[in-house]
Amino acid sequence: MPHIKGLSAPSAQKSGGVKLVSDDIREILNIEVNVLMGANLAHEVANDDFCEATI
């Protein structure tokens, strides 16, 4: 499935060492993936509010 892409917008990362979220997703789903992270969305994500980002 060469045309499948992934985009993740995580709000937190589990402990256990330093590993990129994109590496976890890439390994599990075997797809190309990009990750959107940032403190500007953290409050909305934590409150389960609507939030957006322009890509």
PDB file of N, CA and C in Angstrom:
ATOM      1  N   MET A   1       0.839  -1.180   0.000  1.00  0.00           N
ATOM      2  CA  MET A   1       0.000   0.000   0.000  1.00  0.00           C
ATOM      3  C   MET A   1       0.883   1.242   0.000  1.00  0.00           C
ATOM      4  N   PRO A   2       1.525   1.551  -1.104  1.00  0.00           N
ATOM      5  CA  PRO A   2       2.504   2.638  -1.143  1.00  0.00           C
ATOM      6  C   PRO A   2       1.916   4.037  -1.040  1.00  0.00           C
ATOM      7  N   HIS A   3       0.606   4.211  -1.218  1.00  0.00           N
ATOM      8  CA  HIS A   3       0.023   5.549  -1.207  1.00  0.00           C
ATOM      9  C   HIS A   3      -0.578   5.937   0.135  1.00  0.00           C
ATOM     10  N   ILE A   4      -0.536   5.060   1.110  1.00  0.00           N
ATOM     11  CA  ILE A   4      -1.087   5.369   2.426  1.00  0.00           C
ATOM     12  C   ILE A   4      -0.089   6.212   3.201  1.00  0.00           C
ATOM     13  N   LYS A   5      -0.565   7.285   3.789  1.00  0.00           N
ATOM     14  CA  LYS A   5       0.257   8.180   4.603  1.00  0.00           C
ATOM     15  C   LYS A   5      -0.379   8.282   5.980  1.00  0.00           C
ATOM     16  N   GLY A   6       0.390   8.712   6.951  1.00  0.00           N
ATOM     17  CA  GLY A   6      -0.144   8.883   8.290  1.00  0.00           C
ATOM     18  C   GLY A   6       0.237  10.239   8.848  1.00  0.00           C
ATOM     19  N   LEU A   7      -0.622  10.792   9.682  1.00  0.00           N
ATOM     20  CA  LEU A   7      -0.356  12.036  10.384  1.00  0.00           C
ATOM     21  C   LEU A   7      -0.808  11.857  11.816  1.00  0.00           C
ATOM     22  N   SER A   8       0.081  12.123  12.752  1.00  0.00           N
ATOM     23  CA  SER A   8      -0.242  11.985  14.164  1.00  0.00           C
ATOM     24  C   SER A   8      -0.101  13.336  14.840  1.00  0.00           C
ATOM     25  N   ALA A   9      -1.020  13.647  15.735  1.00  0.00           N
ATOM     26  CA  ALA A   9      -0.948  14.877  16.513  1.00  0.00           C
ATOM     27  C   ALA A   9      -1.040  14.518  17.992  1.00  0.00           C
ATOM     28  N   PRO A  10       0.017  13.929  18.555  1.00  0.00           N
ATOM     29  CA  PRO A  10      -0.041  13.437  19.934  1.00  0.00           C
ATOM     30  C   PRO A  10       0.002  14.561  20.951  1.00  0.00           C
ATOM     31  N   SER A  11      -0.629  14.316  22.101  1.00  0.00           N
ATOM     32  CA  SER A  11      -0.590  15.296  23.181  1.00  0.00           C
ATOM     33  C   SER A  11       0.363  14.866  24.291  1.00  0.00           C
ATOM     34  N   ALA A  12       0.769  13.623  24.301  1.00  0.00           N
ATOM     35  CA  ALA A  12       1.676  13.122  25.337  1.00  0.00           C
ATOM     36  C   ALA A  12       2.427  11.909  24.809  1.00  0.00           C
ATOM     37  N   GLN A  13       3.513  11.595  25.478  1.00  0.00           N
ATOM     38  CA  GLN A  13       4.311  10.437  25.099  1.00  0.00           C
ATOM     39  C   GLN A  13       4.583   9.616  26.350  1.00  0.00           C
ATOM     40  N   LYS A  14       4.452   8.307  26.237  1.00  0.00           N
ATOM     41  CA  LYS A  14       4.668   7.453  27.402  1.00  0.00           C
ATOM     42  C   LYS A  14       6.144   7.407  27.780  1.00  0.00           C
ATOM     43  N   SER A  15       6.402   7.130  29.034  1.00  0.00           N
ATOM     44  CA  SER A  15       7.776   7.072  29.518  1.00  0.00           C
ATOM     45  C   SER A  15       8.436   5.767  29.094  1.00  0.00           C
ATOM     46  N   GLY A  16       9.723   5.671  29.334  1.00  0.00           N
ATOM     47  CA  GLY A  16      10.441   4.449  28.987  1.00  0.00           C
ATOM     48  C   GLY A  16      11.629   4.719  28.091  1.00  0.00           C
ATOM     49  N   GLY A  17      12.050   5.967  28.016  1.00  0.00           N
ATOM     50  CA  GLY A  17      13.195   6.294  27.187  1.00  0.00           C
ATOM     51  C   GLY A  17      12.818   7.241  26.068  1.00  0.00           C
ATOM     52  N   VAL A  18      13.835   7.682  25.360  1.00  0.00           N
ATOM     53  CA  VAL A  18      13.619   8.625  24.272  1.00  0.00           C
ATOM     54  C   VAL A  18      13.409   7.855  22.977  1.00  0.00           C
ATOM     55  N   LYS A  19      12.244   8.029  22.387  1.00  0.00           N
ATOM     56  CA  LYS A  19      11.934   7.425  21.094  1.00  0.00           C
ATOM     57  C   LYS A  19      10.921   8.322  20.405  1.00  0.00           C
ATOM     58  N   LEU A  20      11.105   8.568  19.133  1.00  0.00           N
ATOM     59  CA  LEU A  20      10.190   9.416  18.390  1.00  0.00           C
ATOM     60  C   LEU A  20       8.837   8.736  18.223  1.00  0.00           C
ATOM     61  N   VAL A  21       7.769   9.503  18.395  1.00  0.00           N
ATOM     62  CA  VAL A  21       6.426   8.988  18.197  1.00  0.00           C
ATOM     63  C   VAL A  21       6.286   8.465  16.773  1.00  0.00           C
ATOM     64  N   SER A  22       6.871   9.179  15.827  1.00  0.00           N
ATOM     65  CA  SER A  22       6.783   8.760  14.428  1.00  0.00           C
ATOM     66  C   SER A  22       7.436   7.404  14.199  1.00  0.00           C
ATOM     67  N   ASP A  23       8.494   7.095  14.941  1.00  0.00           N
ATOM     68  CA  ASP A  23       9.133   5.775  14.807  1.00  0.00           C
ATOM     69  C   ASP A  23       8.202   4.663  15.277  1.00  0.00           C
ATOM     70  N   ASP A  24       7.507   4.884  16.390  1.00  0.00           N
ATOM     71  CA  ASP A  24       6.539   3.890  16.880  1.00  0.00           C
ATOM     72  C   ASP A  24       5.452   3.635  15.840  1.00  0.00           C
ATOM     73  N   ILE A  25       4.870   4.704  15.319  1.00  0.00           N
ATOM     74  CA  ILE A  25       3.783   4.570  14.349  1.00  0.00           C
ATOM     75  C   ILE A  25       4.284   3.897  13.080  1.00  0.00           C
ATOM     76  N   ARG A  26       5.443   4.317  12.608  1.00  0.00           N
ATOM     77  CA  ARG A  26       6.026   3.742  11.391  1.00  0.00           C
ATOM     78  C   ARG A  26       6.255   2.242  11.550  1.00  0.00           C
ATOM     79  N   GLU A  27       6.779   1.831  12.707  1.00  0.00           N
ATOM     80  CA  GLU A  27       7.058   0.413  12.952  1.00  0.00           C
ATOM     81  C   GLU A  27       5.771  -0.410  13.072  1.00  0.00           C
ATOM     82  N   ILE A  28       4.777   0.125  13.756  1.00  0.00           N
ATOM     83  CA  ILE A  28       3.536  -0.621  13.981  1.00  0.00           C
ATOM     84  C   ILE A  28       2.694  -0.722  12.710  1.00  0.00           C
ATOM     85  N   LEU A  29       2.541   0.395  11.994  1.00  0.00           N
ATOM     86  CA  LEU A  29       1.659   0.428  10.829  1.00  0.00           C
ATOM     87  C   LEU A  29       2.380   0.221   9.500  1.00  0.00           C
ATOM     88  N   ASN A  30       3.711   0.318   9.535  1.00  0.00           N
ATOM     89  CA  ASN A  30       4.520   0.154   8.323  1.00  0.00           C
ATOM     90  C   ASN A  30       4.087   1.136   7.227  1.00  0.00           C
ATOM     91  N   ILE A  31       3.926   2.422   7.622  1.00  0.00           N
ATOM     92  CA  ILE A  31       3.572   3.475   6.675  1.00  0.00           C
ATOM     93  C   ILE A  31       4.465   4.683   6.907  1.00  0.00           C
ATOM     94  N   GLU A  32       4.525   5.576   5.913  1.00  0.00           N
ATOM     95  CA  GLU A  32       5.206   6.853   6.069  1.00  0.00           C
ATOM     96  C   GLU A  32       4.340   7.724   6.969  1.00  0.00           C
ATOM     97  N   VAL A  33       4.949   8.417   7.929  1.00  0.00           N
ATOM     98  CA  VAL A  33       4.150   9.182   8.887  1.00  0.00           C
ATOM     99  C   VAL A  33       4.838  10.491   9.243  1.00  0.00           C
ATOM    100  N   ASN A  34       4.042  11.507   9.541  1.00  0.00           N
ATOM    101  CA  ASN A  34       4.514  12.803  10.016  1.00  0.00           C
ATOM    102  C   ASN A  34       3.828  13.080  11.340  1.00  0.00           C
ATOM    103  N   VAL A  35       4.503  13.826  12.203  1.00  0.00           N
ATOM    104  CA  VAL A  35       3.958  14.093  13.534  1.00  0.00           C
ATOM    105  C   VAL A  35       3.880  15.595  13.751  1.00  0.00           C
ATOM    106  N   LEU A  36       2.734  16.048  14.255  1.00  0.00           N
ATOM    107  CA  LEU A  36       2.516  17.444  14.592  1.00  0.00           C
ATOM    108  C   LEU A  36       2.456  17.545  16.110  1.00  0.00           C
ATOM    109  N   MET A  37       3.411  18.256  16.706  1.00  0.00           N
ATOM    110  CA  MET A  37       3.446  18.410  18.158  1.00  0.00           C
ATOM    111  C   MET A  37       3.664  19.881  18.477  1.00  0.00           C
ATOM    112  N   GLY A  38       3.145  20.321  19.599  1.00  0.00           N
ATOM    113  CA  GLY A  38       3.407  21.688  19.992  1.00  0.00           C
ATOM    114  C   GLY A  38       2.602  22.099  21.206  1.00  0.00           C
ATOM    115  N   ALA A  39       3.187  22.952  22.015  1.00  0.00           N
ATOM    116  CA  ALA A  39       2.527  23.428  23.231  1.00  0.00           C
ATOM    117  C   ALA A  39       1.318  24.295  22.916  1.00  0.00           C
ATOM    118  N   ASN A  40       1.264  24.859  21.721  1.00  0.00           N
ATOM    119  CA  ASN A  40       0.133  25.721  21.381  1.00  0.00           C
ATOM    120  C   ASN A  40      -1.184  24.951  21.300  1.00  0.00           C
ATOM    121  N   LEU A  41      -1.152  23.639  21.142  1.00  0.00           N
ATOM    122  CA  LEU A  41      -2.362  22.824  21.089  1.00  0.00           C
ATOM    123  C   LEU A  41      -2.604  22.037  22.374  1.00  0.00           C
ATOM    124  N   ALA A  42      -1.653  22.020  23.268  1.00  0.00           N
ATOM    125  CA  ALA A  42      -1.711  21.141  24.439  1.00  0.00           C
ATOM    126  C   ALA A  42      -2.941  21.398  25.307  1.00  0.00           C
ATOM    127  N   HIS A  43      -3.271  22.650  25.554  1.00  0.00           N
ATOM    128  CA  HIS A  43      -4.412  22.979  26.420  1.00  0.00           C
ATOM    129  C   HIS A  43      -5.723  22.464  25.817  1.00  0.00           C
ATOM    130  N   GLU A  44      -5.922  22.711  24.529  1.00  0.00           N
ATOM    131  CA  GLU A  44      -7.147  22.266  23.867  1.00  0.00           C
ATOM    132  C   GLU A  44      -7.235  20.746  23.825  1.00  0.00           C
ATOM    133  N   VAL A  45      -6.137  20.103  23.519  1.00  0.00           N
ATOM    134  CA  VAL A  45      -6.117  18.637  23.450  1.00  0.00           C
ATOM    135  C   VAL A  45      -6.405  18.049  24.826  1.00  0.00           C
ATOM    136  N   ALA A  46      -5.791  18.601  25.870  1.00  0.00           N
ATOM    137  CA  ALA A  46      -5.987  18.100  27.232  1.00  0.00           C
ATOM    138  C   ALA A  46      -7.440  18.237  27.675  1.00  0.00           C
ATOM    139  N   ASN A  47      -8.117  19.295  27.234  1.00  0.00           N
ATOM    140  CA  ASN A  47      -9.523  19.516  27.590  1.00  0.00           C
ATOM    141  C   ASN A  47     -10.487  18.829  26.631  1.00  0.00           C
ATOM    142  N   ASP A  48      -9.953  18.108  25.668  1.00  0.00           N
ATOM    143  CA  ASP A  48     -10.762  17.440  24.643  1.00  0.00           C
ATOM    144  C   ASP A  48     -11.613  18.448  23.875  1.00  0.00           C
ATOM    145  N   ASP A  49     -11.064  19.677  23.713  1.00  0.00           N
ATOM    146  CA  ASP A  49     -11.734  20.730  22.953  1.00  0.00           C
ATOM    147  C   ASP A  49     -11.358  20.625  21.479  1.00  0.00           C
ATOM    148  N   PHE A  50     -12.143  21.285  20.633  1.00  0.00           N
ATOM    149  CA  PHE A  50     -11.813  21.380  19.221  1.00  0.00           C
ATOM    150  C   PHE A  50     -10.524  22.176  19.070  1.00  0.00           C
ATOM    151  N   CYS A  51      -9.634  21.718  18.243  1.00  0.00           N
ATOM    152  CA  CYS A  51      -8.422  22.473  17.935  1.00  0.00           C
ATOM    153  C   CYS A  51      -8.044  22.180  16.490  1.00  0.00           C
ATOM    154  N   GLU A  52      -7.261  23.063  15.906  1.00  0.00           N
ATOM    155  CA  GLU A  52      -6.872  22.885  14.517  1.00  0.00           C
ATOM    156  C   GLU A  52      -5.449  23.363  14.300  1.00  0.00           C
ATOM    157  N   ALA A  53      -4.878  22.912  13.216  1.00  0.00           N
ATOM    158  CA  ALA A  53      -3.556  23.356  12.789  1.00  0.00           C
ATOM    159  C   ALA A  53      -3.546  23.349  11.271  1.00  0.00           C
ATOM    160  N   THR A  54      -2.862  24.302  10.685  1.00  0.00           N
ATOM    161  CA  THR A  54      -2.737  24.350   9.234  1.00  0.00           C
ATOM    162  C   THR A  54      -1.461  23.636   8.837  1.00  0.00           C
ATOM    163  N   ILE A  55      -1.600  22.695   7.927  1.00  0.00           N
ATOM    164  CA  ILE A  55      -0.443  21.929   7.459  1.00  0.00           C
ATOM    165  C   ILE A  55      -0.169  22.314   6.025  1.00  0.00           C
TER     166      ILE A  55
END
